[in-house]
Amino acid sequence: MKKVKITAIRKTSYHDLSDKYENPIEHACDVNEGDAWISINGQKPDGLCESAWKSMKWFVEELAAGRGNFYDGWMKNPNSAMISCNDGFRPVSFYIETIE
């Protein structure tokens, strides 16, 4: 199995959507741009948001198993993927790549 590096590339907030649809919450996300984790054997790294993990799990498992080239050439690096968490108000984009 290959190690897979998960890096938070971009964090965005859609305040207009939050104001219109979301009940106020005090704390939503601890991830910051540049944060990184290493997945070993396709497992969820400690400290990675559970919700984000659910969005990327399949891609991490596939890359860890040596597969990739998702959607017939979607990514310039076939051993990578760009996945966003499923928080529609504060999405975080993660670059996922195999490392040796």
PDB file of N, CA and C in Angstrom:
ATOM      1  N   MET A   1       0.839  -1.183   0.000  1.00  0.00           N
ATOM      2  CA  MET A   1       0.000   0.000   0.000  1.00  0.00           C
ATOM      3  C   MET A   1       0.885   1.249   0.000  1.00  0.00           C
ATOM      4  N   LYS A   2       0.423   2.249  -0.712  1.00  0.00           N
ATOM      5  CA  LYS A   2       1.142   3.521  -0.786  1.00  0.00           C
ATOM      6  C   LYS A   2       0.632   4.478   0.297  1.00  0.00           C
ATOM      7  N   LYS A   3       1.502   5.350   0.737  1.00  0.00           N
ATOM      8  CA  LYS A   3       1.077   6.427   1.628  1.00  0.00           C
ATOM      9  C   LYS A   3       0.411   7.495   0.782  1.00  0.00           C
ATOM     10  N   VAL A   4      -0.582   8.140   1.352  1.00  0.00           N
ATOM     11  CA  VAL A   4      -1.315   9.186   0.649  1.00  0.00           C
ATOM     12  C   VAL A   4      -1.271  10.456   1.500  1.00  0.00           C
ATOM     13  N   LYS A   5      -0.800  11.530   0.897  1.00  0.00           N
ATOM     14  CA  LYS A   5      -0.746  12.822   1.567  1.00  0.00           C
ATOM     15  C   LYS A   5      -2.018  13.592   1.242  1.00  0.00           C
ATOM     16  N   ILE A   6      -2.607  14.182   2.267  1.00  0.00           N
ATOM     17  CA  ILE A   6      -3.834  14.968   2.149  1.00  0.00           C
ATOM     18  C   ILE A   6      -3.494  16.387   2.609  1.00  0.00           C
ATOM     19  N   THR A   7      -3.632  17.357   1.711  1.00  0.00           N
ATOM     20  CA  THR A   7      -3.282  18.734   2.037  1.00  0.00           C
ATOM     21  C   THR A   7      -4.483  19.646   1.819  1.00  0.00           C
ATOM     22  N   ALA A   8      -4.800  20.457   2.825  1.00  0.00           N
ATOM     23  CA  ALA A   8      -5.869  21.458   2.692  1.00  0.00           C
ATOM     24  C   ALA A   8      -5.333  22.591   1.822  1.00  0.00           C
ATOM     25  N   ILE A   9      -5.929  22.780   0.671  1.00  0.00           N
ATOM     26  CA  ILE A   9      -5.458  23.763  -0.317  1.00  0.00           C
ATOM     27  C   ILE A   9      -6.217  25.081  -0.210  1.00  0.00           C
ATOM     28  N   ARG A  10      -7.517  25.001  -0.001  1.00  0.00           N
ATOM     29  CA  ARG A  10      -8.325  26.225   0.050  1.00  0.00           C
ATOM     30  C   ARG A  10      -9.498  26.034   1.006  1.00  0.00           C
ATOM     31  N   LYS A  11      -9.779  27.082   1.765  1.00  0.00           N
ATOM     32  CA  LYS A  11     -10.919  27.102   2.675  1.00  0.00           C
ATOM     33  C   LYS A  11     -11.744  28.339   2.344  1.00  0.00           C
ATOM     34  N   THR A  12     -13.013  28.133   2.116  1.00  0.00           N
ATOM     35  CA  THR A  12     -13.889  29.217   1.704  1.00  0.00           C
ATOM     36  C   THR A  12     -15.093  29.284   2.630  1.00  0.00           C
ATOM     37  N   SER A  13     -15.684  30.454   2.756  1.00  0.00           N
ATOM     38  CA  SER A  13     -16.933  30.611   3.509  1.00  0.00           C
ATOM     39  C   SER A  13     -17.931  31.372   2.653  1.00  0.00           C
ATOM     40  N   TYR A  14     -19.125  30.850   2.599  1.00  0.00           N
ATOM     41  CA  TYR A  14     -20.209  31.504   1.875  1.00  0.00           C
ATOM     42  C   TYR A  14     -21.159  32.110   2.904  1.00  0.00           C
ATOM     43  N   HIS A  15     -20.823  33.314   3.348  1.00  0.00           N
ATOM     44  CA  HIS A  15     -21.589  33.969   4.406  1.00  0.00           C
ATOM     45  C   HIS A  15     -23.031  34.248   3.987  1.00  0.00           C
ATOM     46  N   ASP A  16     -23.246  34.543   2.712  1.00  0.00           N
ATOM     47  CA  ASP A  16     -24.609  34.804   2.260  1.00  0.00           C
ATOM     48  C   ASP A  16     -25.488  33.569   2.417  1.00  0.00           C
ATOM     49  N   LEU A  17     -24.934  32.400   2.118  1.00  0.00           N
ATOM     50  CA  LEU A  17     -25.702  31.166   2.286  1.00  0.00           C
ATOM     51  C   LEU A  17     -25.909  30.841   3.764  1.00  0.00           C
ATOM     52  N   SER A  18     -24.864  31.047   4.560  1.00  0.00           N
ATOM     53  CA  SER A  18     -24.990  30.812   6.009  1.00  0.00           C
ATOM     54  C   SER A  18     -26.068  31.700   6.602  1.00  0.00           C
ATOM     55  N   ASP A  19     -26.046  32.987   6.241  1.00  0.00           N
ATOM     56  CA  ASP A  19     -27.040  33.926   6.772  1.00  0.00           C
ATOM     57  C   ASP A  19     -28.460  33.516   6.386  1.00  0.00           C
ATOM     58  N   LYS A  20     -28.599  33.009   5.185  1.00  0.00           N
ATOM     59  CA  LYS A  20     -29.934  32.684   4.677  1.00  0.00           C
ATOM     60  C   LYS A  20     -30.457  31.334   5.177  1.00  0.00           C
ATOM     61  N   TYR A  21     -29.568  30.325   5.308  1.00  0.00           N
ATOM     62  CA  TYR A  21     -30.049  28.970   5.551  1.00  0.00           C
ATOM     63  C   TYR A  21     -29.575  28.288   6.836  1.00  0.00           C
ATOM     64  N   GLU A  22     -28.485  28.764   7.417  1.00  0.00           N
ATOM     65  CA  GLU A  22     -27.884  28.016   8.522  1.00  0.00           C
ATOM     66  C   GLU A  22     -28.255  28.603   9.879  1.00  0.00           C
ATOM     67  N   ASN A  23     -28.543  27.728  10.832  1.00  0.00           N
ATOM     68  CA  ASN A  23     -28.673  28.169  12.215  1.00  0.00           C
ATOM     69  C   ASN A  23     -27.283  28.514  12.719  1.00  0.00           C
ATOM     70  N   PRO A  24     -27.169  29.553  13.529  1.00  0.00           N
ATOM     71  CA  PRO A  24     -25.843  29.939  14.020  1.00  0.00           C
ATOM     72  C   PRO A  24     -25.178  28.817  14.813  1.00  0.00           C
ATOM     73  N   ILE A  25     -23.888  28.606  14.548  1.00  0.00           N
ATOM     74  CA  ILE A  25     -23.095  27.654  15.315  1.00  0.00           C
ATOM     75  C   ILE A  25     -21.807  28.353  15.726  1.00  0.00           C
ATOM     76  N   GLU A  26     -21.284  27.959  16.873  1.00  0.00           N
ATOM     77  CA  GLU A  26     -20.093  28.620  17.384  1.00  0.00           C
ATOM     78  C   GLU A  26     -18.816  28.134  16.720  1.00  0.00           C
ATOM     79  N   HIS A  27     -18.758  26.848  16.455  1.00  0.00           N
ATOM     80  CA  HIS A  27     -17.504  26.287  15.953  1.00  0.00           C
ATOM     81  C   HIS A  27     -17.810  25.260  14.873  1.00  0.00           C
ATOM     82  N   ALA A  28     -17.211  25.423  13.697  1.00  0.00           N
ATOM     83  CA  ALA A  28     -17.531  24.510  12.602  1.00  0.00           C
ATOM     84  C   ALA A  28     -16.327  23.740  12.068  1.00  0.00           C
ATOM     85  N   CYS A  29     -15.164  24.368  11.963  1.00  0.00           N
ATOM     86  CA  CYS A  29     -14.057  23.716  11.258  1.00  0.00           C
ATOM     87  C   CYS A  29     -12.708  24.183  11.800  1.00  0.00           C
ATOM     88  N   ASP A  30     -11.855  23.220  12.088  1.00  0.00           N
ATOM     89  CA  ASP A  30     -10.510  23.523  12.583  1.00  0.00           C
ATOM     90  C   ASP A  30      -9.448  23.467  11.498  1.00  0.00           C
ATOM     91  N   VAL A  31      -9.820  23.116  10.294  1.00  0.00           N
ATOM     92  CA  VAL A  31      -8.848  22.960   9.208  1.00  0.00           C
ATOM     93  C   VAL A  31      -8.409  24.334   8.699  1.00  0.00           C
ATOM     94  N   ASN A  32      -7.124  24.464   8.439  1.00  0.00           N
ATOM     95  CA  ASN A  32      -6.562  25.682   7.856  1.00  0.00           C
ATOM     96  C   ASN A  32      -5.833  25.337   6.572  1.00  0.00           C
ATOM     97  N   GLU A  33      -5.788  26.281   5.659  1.00  0.00           N
ATOM     98  CA  GLU A  33      -5.029  26.072   4.426  1.00  0.00           C
ATOM     99  C   GLU A  33      -3.590  25.725   4.791  1.00  0.00           C
ATOM    100  N   GLY A  34      -3.069  24.700   4.143  1.00  0.00           N
ATOM    101  CA  GLY A  34      -1.706  24.249   4.399  1.00  0.00           C
ATOM    102  C   GLY A  34      -1.616  23.083   5.368  1.00  0.00           C
ATOM    103  N   ASP A  35      -2.673  22.825   6.126  1.00  0.00           N
ATOM    104  CA  ASP A  35      -2.661  21.656   7.009  1.00  0.00           C
ATOM    105  C   ASP A  35      -2.505  20.403   6.164  1.00  0.00           C
ATOM    106  N   ALA A  36      -1.772  19.420   6.689  1.00  0.00           N
ATOM    107  CA  ALA A  36      -1.537  18.198   5.928  1.00  0.00           C
ATOM    108  C   ALA A  36      -1.554  16.986   6.855  1.00  0.00           C
ATOM    109  N   TRP A  37      -1.951  15.859   6.288  1.00  0.00           N
ATOM    110  CA  TRP A  37      -2.021  14.592   6.994  1.00  0.00           C
ATOM    111  C   TRP A  37      -1.483  13.508   6.068  1.00  0.00           C
ATOM    112  N   ILE A  38      -1.035  12.405   6.650  1.00  0.00           N
ATOM    113  CA  ILE A  38      -0.591  11.245   5.877  1.00  0.00           C
ATOM    114  C   ILE A  38      -1.507  10.082   6.222  1.00  0.00           C
ATOM    115  N   SER A  39      -2.085   9.481   5.188  1.00  0.00           N
ATOM    116  CA  SER A  39      -2.892   8.279   5.356  1.00  0.00           C
ATOM    117  C   SER A  39      -1.990   7.072   5.108  1.00  0.00           C
ATOM    118  N   ILE A  40      -1.987   6.150   6.050  1.00  0.00           N
ATOM    119  CA  ILE A  40      -1.211   4.920   5.920  1.00  0.00           C
ATOM    120  C   ILE A  40      -2.197   3.770   5.769  1.00  0.00           C
ATOM    121  N   ASN A  41      -1.963   2.943   4.765  1.00  0.00           N
ATOM    122  CA  ASN A  41      -2.834   1.802   4.458  1.00  0.00           C
ATOM    123  C   ASN A  41      -4.277   2.228   4.173  1.00  0.00           C
ATOM    124  N   GLY A  42      -4.449   3.424   3.626  1.00  0.00           N
ATOM    125  CA  GLY A  42      -5.784   3.895   3.255  1.00  0.00           C
ATOM    126  C   GLY A  42      -6.670   4.246   4.429  1.00  0.00           C
ATOM    127  N   GLN A  43      -6.077   4.421   5.610  1.00  0.00           N
ATOM    128  CA  GLN A  43      -6.850   4.706   6.814  1.00  0.00           C
ATOM    129  C   GLN A  43      -6.959   6.212   7.064  1.00  0.00           C
ATOM    130  N   LYS A  44      -7.998   6.600   7.799  1.00  0.00           N
ATOM    131  CA  LYS A  44      -8.197   8.005   8.161  1.00  0.00           C
ATOM    132  C   LYS A  44      -7.086   8.452   9.104  1.00  0.00           C
ATOM    133  N   PRO A  45      -6.383   9.509   8.751  1.00  0.00           N
ATOM    134  CA  PRO A  45      -5.346  10.026   9.648  1.00  0.00           C
ATOM    135  C   PRO A  45      -5.951  10.667  10.893  1.00  0.00           C
ATOM    136  N   ASP A  46      -5.245  10.549  12.001  1.00  0.00           N
ATOM    137  CA  ASP A  46      -5.669  11.221  13.230  1.00  0.00           C
ATOM    138  C   ASP A  46      -5.756  12.716  12.984  1.00  0.00           C
ATOM    139  N   GLY A  47      -6.794  13.331  13.519  1.00  0.00           N
ATOM    140  CA  GLY A  47      -6.949  14.771  13.440  1.00  0.00           C
ATOM    141  C   GLY A  47      -7.659  15.283  12.205  1.00  0.00           C
ATOM    142  N   LEU A  48      -7.939  14.401  11.250  1.00  0.00           N
ATOM    143  CA  LEU A  48      -8.663  14.829  10.046  1.00  0.00           C
ATOM    144  C   LEU A  48     -10.160  14.781  10.334  1.00  0.00           C
ATOM    145  N   CYS A  49     -10.852  15.817   9.937  1.00  0.00           N
ATOM    146  CA  CYS A  49     -12.296  15.935  10.136  1.00  0.00           C
ATOM    147  C   CYS A  49     -13.031  14.704   9.576  1.00  0.00           C
ATOM    148  N   GLU A  50     -13.927  14.150  10.384  1.00  0.00           N
ATOM    149  CA  GLU A  50     -14.677  12.960   9.977  1.00  0.00           C
ATOM    150  C   GLU A  50     -15.530  13.229   8.729  1.00  0.00           C
ATOM    151  N   SER A  51     -16.137  14.386   8.668  1.00  0.00           N
ATOM    152  CA  SER A  51     -16.969  14.726   7.521  1.00  0.00           C
ATOM    153  C   SER A  51     -16.132  14.847   6.251  1.00  0.00           C
ATOM    154  N   ALA A  52     -14.971  15.481   6.360  1.00  0.00           N
ATOM    155  CA  ALA A  52     -14.079  15.583   5.199  1.00  0.00           C
ATOM    156  C   ALA A  52     -13.624  14.193   4.773  1.00  0.00           C
ATOM    157  N   TRP A  53     -13.309  13.346   5.747  1.00  0.00           N
ATOM    158  CA  TRP A  53     -12.863  11.990   5.430  1.00  0.00           C
ATOM    159  C   TRP A  53     -13.929  11.233   4.631  1.00  0.00           C
ATOM    160  N   LYS A  54     -15.170  11.378   5.011  1.00  0.00           N
ATOM    161  CA  LYS A  54     -16.239  10.683   4.289  1.00  0.00           C
ATOM    162  C   LYS A  54     -16.297  11.123   2.830  1.00  0.00           C
ATOM    163  N   SER A  55     -15.941  12.367   2.553  1.00  0.00           N
ATOM    164  CA  SER A  55     -15.949  12.867   1.177  1.00  0.00           C
ATOM    165  C   SER A  55     -14.794  12.326   0.348  1.00  0.00           C
ATOM    166  N   MET A  56     -13.668  12.006   0.990  1.00  0.00           N
ATOM    167  CA  MET A  56     -12.463  11.629   0.241  1.00  0.00           C
ATOM    168  C   MET A  56     -12.053  10.181   0.410  1.00  0.00           C
ATOM    169  N   LYS A  57     -12.699   9.457   1.298  1.00  0.00           N
ATOM    170  CA  LYS A  57     -12.266   8.106   1.663  1.00  0.00           C
ATOM    171  C   LYS A  57     -12.021   7.214   0.450  1.00  0.00           C
ATOM    172  N   TRP A  58     -12.957   7.148  -0.465  1.00  0.00           N
ATOM    173  CA  TRP A  58     -12.821   6.259  -1.618  1.00  0.00           C
ATOM    174  C   TRP A  58     -11.580   6.611  -2.438  1.00  0.00           C
ATOM    175  N   PHE A  59     -11.337   7.895  -2.649  1.00  0.00           N
ATOM    176  CA  PHE A  59     -10.179   8.331  -3.425  1.00  0.00           C
ATOM    177  C   PHE A  59      -8.874   7.963  -2.718  1.00  0.00           C
ATOM    178  N   VAL A  60      -8.816   8.157  -1.416  1.00  0.00           N
ATOM    179  CA  VAL A  60      -7.621   7.807  -0.648  1.00  0.00           C
ATOM    180  C   VAL A  60      -7.385   6.304  -0.721  1.00  0.00           C
ATOM    181  N   GLU A  61      -8.415   5.518  -0.542  1.00  0.00           N
ATOM    182  CA  GLU A  61      -8.269   4.057  -0.599  1.00  0.00           C
ATOM    183  C   GLU A  61      -7.790   3.602  -1.978  1.00  0.00           C
ATOM    184  N   GLU A  62      -8.331   4.189  -3.022  1.00  0.00           N
ATOM    185  CA  GLU A  62      -7.918   3.835  -4.385  1.00  0.00           C
ATOM    186  C   GLU A  62      -6.447   4.188  -4.624  1.00  0.00           C
ATOM    187  N   LEU A  63      -6.048   5.395  -4.222  1.00  0.00           N
ATOM    188  CA  LEU A  63      -4.659   5.803  -4.398  1.00  0.00           C
ATOM    189  C   LEU A  63      -3.722   4.935  -3.561  1.00  0.00           C
ATOM    190  N   ALA A  64      -4.113   4.619  -2.343  1.00  0.00           N
ATOM    191  CA  ALA A  64      -3.286   3.783  -1.474  1.00  0.00           C
ATOM    192  C   ALA A  64      -3.074   2.398  -2.081  1.00  0.00           C
ATOM    193  N   ALA A  65      -4.069   1.916  -2.804  1.00  0.00           N
ATOM    194  CA  ALA A  65      -3.985   0.595  -3.444  1.00  0.00           C
ATOM    195  C   ALA A  65      -3.234   0.636  -4.772  1.00  0.00           C
ATOM    196  N   GLY A  66      -2.737   1.802  -5.154  1.00  0.00           N
ATOM    197  CA  GLY A  66      -1.970   1.917  -6.389  1.00  0.00           C
ATOM    198  C   GLY A  66      -2.803   2.227  -7.621  1.00  0.00           C
ATOM    199  N   ARG A  67      -4.059   2.511  -7.397  1.00  0.00           N
ATOM    200  CA  ARG A  67      -4.914   2.889  -8.524  1.00  0.00           C
ATOM    201  C   ARG A  67      -5.000   4.409  -8.581  1.00  0.00           C
ATOM    202  N   GLY A  68      -5.592   4.918  -9.605  1.00  0.00           N
ATOM    203  CA  GLY A  68      -5.720   6.367  -9.768  1.00  0.00           C
ATOM    204  C   GLY A  68      -6.291   6.653 -11.138  1.00  0.00           C
ATOM    205  N   ASN A  69      -5.788   7.700 -11.781  1.00  0.00           N
ATOM    206  CA  ASN A  69      -6.274   8.129 -13.086  1.00  0.00           C
ATOM    207  C   ASN A  69      -7.798   8.189 -13.103  1.00  0.00           C
ATOM    208  N   PHE A  70      -8.340   8.896 -12.130  1.00  0.00           N
ATOM    209  CA  PHE A  70      -9.781   9.012 -11.981  1.00  0.00           C
ATOM    210  C   PHE A  70     -10.396   9.746 -13.176  1.00  0.00           C
ATOM    211  N   TYR A  71     -11.533   9.288 -13.605  1.00  0.00           N
ATOM    212  CA  TYR A  71     -12.312   9.924 -14.670  1.00  0.00           C
ATOM    213  C   TYR A  71     -11.479  10.129 -15.937  1.00  0.00           C
ATOM    214  N   ASP A  72     -10.665   9.139 -16.259  1.00  0.00           N
ATOM    215  CA  ASP A  72      -9.909   9.128 -17.525  1.00  0.00           C
ATOM    216  C   ASP A  72      -9.100  10.390 -17.774  1.00  0.00           C
ATOM    217  N   GLY A  73      -8.256  10.744 -16.837  1.00  0.00           N
ATOM    218  CA  GLY A  73      -7.344  11.859 -17.061  1.00  0.00           C
ATOM    219  C   GLY A  73      -7.778  13.180 -16.467  1.00  0.00           C
ATOM    220  N   TRP A  74      -8.638  13.146 -15.481  1.00  0.00           N
ATOM    221  CA  TRP A  74      -9.140  14.349 -14.824  1.00  0.00           C
ATOM    222  C   TRP A  74      -8.012  15.208 -14.260  1.00  0.00           C
ATOM    223  N   MET A  75      -7.044  14.586 -13.604  1.00  0.00           N
ATOM    224  CA  MET A  75      -5.971  15.323 -12.945  1.00  0.00           C
ATOM    225  C   MET A  75      -4.691  15.270 -13.776  1.00  0.00           C
ATOM    226  N   LYS A  76      -3.907  16.346 -13.749  1.00  0.00           N
ATOM    227  CA  LYS A  76      -2.610  16.362 -14.431  1.00  0.00           C
ATOM    228  C   LYS A  76      -1.714  15.265 -13.872  1.00  0.00           C
ATOM    229  N   ASN A  77      -1.728  15.102 -12.562  1.00  0.00           N
ATOM    230  CA  ASN A  77      -1.009  14.010 -11.915  1.00  0.00           C
ATOM    231  C   ASN A  77      -2.020  12.878 -11.731  1.00  0.00           C
ATOM    232  N   PRO A  78      -1.881  11.770 -12.456  1.00  0.00           N
ATOM    233  CA  PRO A  78      -2.877  10.704 -12.364  1.00  0.00           C
ATOM    234  C   PRO A  78      -2.934  10.022 -10.999  1.00  0.00           C
ATOM    235  N   ASN A  79      -1.938  10.268 -10.172  1.00  0.00           N
ATOM    236  CA  ASN A  79      -1.906   9.682  -8.826  1.00  0.00           C
ATOM    237  C   ASN A  79      -2.357  10.707  -7.784  1.00  0.00           C
ATOM    238  N   SER A  80      -3.382  11.473  -8.138  1.00  0.00           N
ATOM    239  CA  SER A  80      -3.876  12.515  -7.247  1.00  0.00           C
ATOM    240  C   SER A  80      -5.362  12.759  -7.493  1.00  0.00           C
ATOM    241  N   ALA A  81      -5.941  13.550  -6.590  1.00  0.00           N
ATOM    242  CA  ALA A  81      -7.338  13.982  -6.740  1.00  0.00           C
ATOM    243  C   ALA A  81      -7.505  15.283  -5.964  1.00  0.00           C
ATOM    244  N   MET A  82      -8.461  16.082  -6.367  1.00  0.00           N
ATOM    245  CA  MET A  82      -8.831  17.306  -5.641  1.00  0.00           C
ATOM    246  C   MET A  82     -10.267  17.102  -5.174  1.00  0.00           C
ATOM    247  N   ILE A  83     -10.449  17.046  -3.866  1.00  0.00           N
ATOM    248  CA  ILE A  83     -11.749  16.730  -3.282  1.00  0.00           C
ATOM    249  C   ILE A  83     -12.118  17.805  -2.277  1.00  0.00           C
ATOM    250  N   SER A  84     -13.372  18.179  -2.228  1.00  0.00           N
ATOM    251  CA  SER A  84     -13.843  19.142  -1.234  1.00  0.00           C
ATOM    252  C   SER A  84     -14.707  18.431  -0.211  1.00  0.00           C
ATOM    253  N   CYS A  85     -14.667  18.923   1.008  1.00  0.00           N
ATOM    254  CA  CYS A  85     -15.551  18.379   2.035  1.00  0.00           C
ATOM    255  C   CYS A  85     -16.989  18.746   1.675  1.00  0.00           C
ATOM    256  N   ASN A  86     -17.920  18.149   2.369  1.00  0.00           N
ATOM    257  CA  ASN A  86     -19.323  18.343   2.005  1.00  0.00           C
ATOM    258  C   ASN A  86     -20.021  19.459   2.770  1.00  0.00           C
ATOM    259  N   ASP A  87     -19.269  20.362   3.396  1.00  0.00           N
ATOM    260  CA  ASP A  87     -19.867  21.507   4.070  1.00  0.00           C
ATOM    261  C   ASP A  87     -20.160  22.576   3.017  1.00  0.00           C
ATOM    262  N   GLY A  88     -21.409  22.737   2.681  1.00  0.00           N
ATOM    263  CA  GLY A  88     -21.788  23.686   1.642  1.00  0.00           C
ATOM    264  C   GLY A  88     -21.622  25.144   2.038  1.00  0.00           C
ATOM    265  N   PHE A  89     -21.459  25.413   3.328  1.00  0.00           N
ATOM    266  CA  PHE A  89     -21.267  26.779   3.804  1.00  0.00           C
ATOM    267  C   PHE A  89     -19.790  27.148   3.925  1.00  0.00           C
ATOM    268  N   ARG A  90     -18.949  26.170   4.268  1.00  0.00           N
ATOM    269  CA  ARG A  90     -17.516  26.401   4.494  1.00  0.00           C
ATOM    270  C   ARG A  90     -16.691  25.293   3.852  1.00  0.00           C
ATOM    271  N   PRO A  91     -16.768  25.099   2.546  1.00  0.00           N
ATOM    272  CA  PRO A  91     -16.038  23.982   1.940  1.00  0.00           C
ATOM    273  C   PRO A  91     -14.526  24.170   2.018  1.00  0.00           C
ATOM    274  N   VAL A  92     -13.849  23.054   2.232  1.00  0.00           N
ATOM    275  CA  VAL A  92     -12.396  23.007   2.210  1.00  0.00           C
ATOM    276  C   VAL A  92     -12.009  22.075   1.068  1.00  0.00           C
ATOM    277  N   SER A  93     -11.096  22.541   0.209  1.00  0.00           N
ATOM    278  CA  SER A  93     -10.597  21.711  -0.889  1.00  0.00           C
ATOM    279  C   SER A  93      -9.302  21.056  -0.458  1.00  0.00           C
ATOM    280  N   PHE A  94      -9.202  19.765  -0.708  1.00  0.00           N
ATOM    281  CA  PHE A  94      -8.056  18.963  -0.328  1.00  0.00           C
ATOM    282  C   PHE A  94      -7.393  18.381  -1.565  1.00  0.00           C
ATOM    283  N   TYR A  95      -6.071  18.519  -1.642  1.00  0.00           N
ATOM    284  CA  TYR A  95      -5.293  17.854  -2.696  1.00  0.00           C
ATOM    285  C   TYR A  95      -4.784  16.558  -2.087  1.00  0.00           C
ATOM    286  N   ILE A  96      -5.103  15.458  -2.746  1.00  0.00           N
ATOM    287  CA  ILE A  96      -4.772  14.132  -2.277  1.00  0.00           C
ATOM    288  C   ILE A  96      -3.795  13.525  -3.278  1.00  0.00           C
ATOM    289  N   GLU A  97      -2.646  13.022  -2.796  1.00  0.00           N
ATOM    290  CA  GLU A  97      -1.628  12.488  -3.699  1.00  0.00           C
ATOM    291  C   GLU A  97      -0.864  11.349  -3.052  1.00  0.00           C
ATOM    292  N   THR A  98      -0.472  10.389  -3.870  1.00  0.00           N
ATOM    293  CA  THR A  98       0.366   9.318  -3.336  1.00  0.00           C
ATOM    294  C   THR A  98       1.782   9.859  -3.151  1.00  0.00           C
ATOM    295  N   ILE A  99       2.434   9.323  -2.136  1.00  0.00           N
ATOM    296  CA  ILE A  99       3.834   9.671  -1.890  1.00  0.00           C
ATOM    297  C   ILE A  99       4.588   8.358  -1.706  1.00  0.00           C
ATOM    298  N   GLU A 100       5.850   8.399  -1.998  1.00  0.00           N
ATOM    299  CA  GLU A 100       6.664   7.175  -1.868  1.00  0.00           C
ATOM    300  C   GLU A 100       7.337   7.134  -0.538  1.00  0.00           C
TER     301      GLU A 100
END
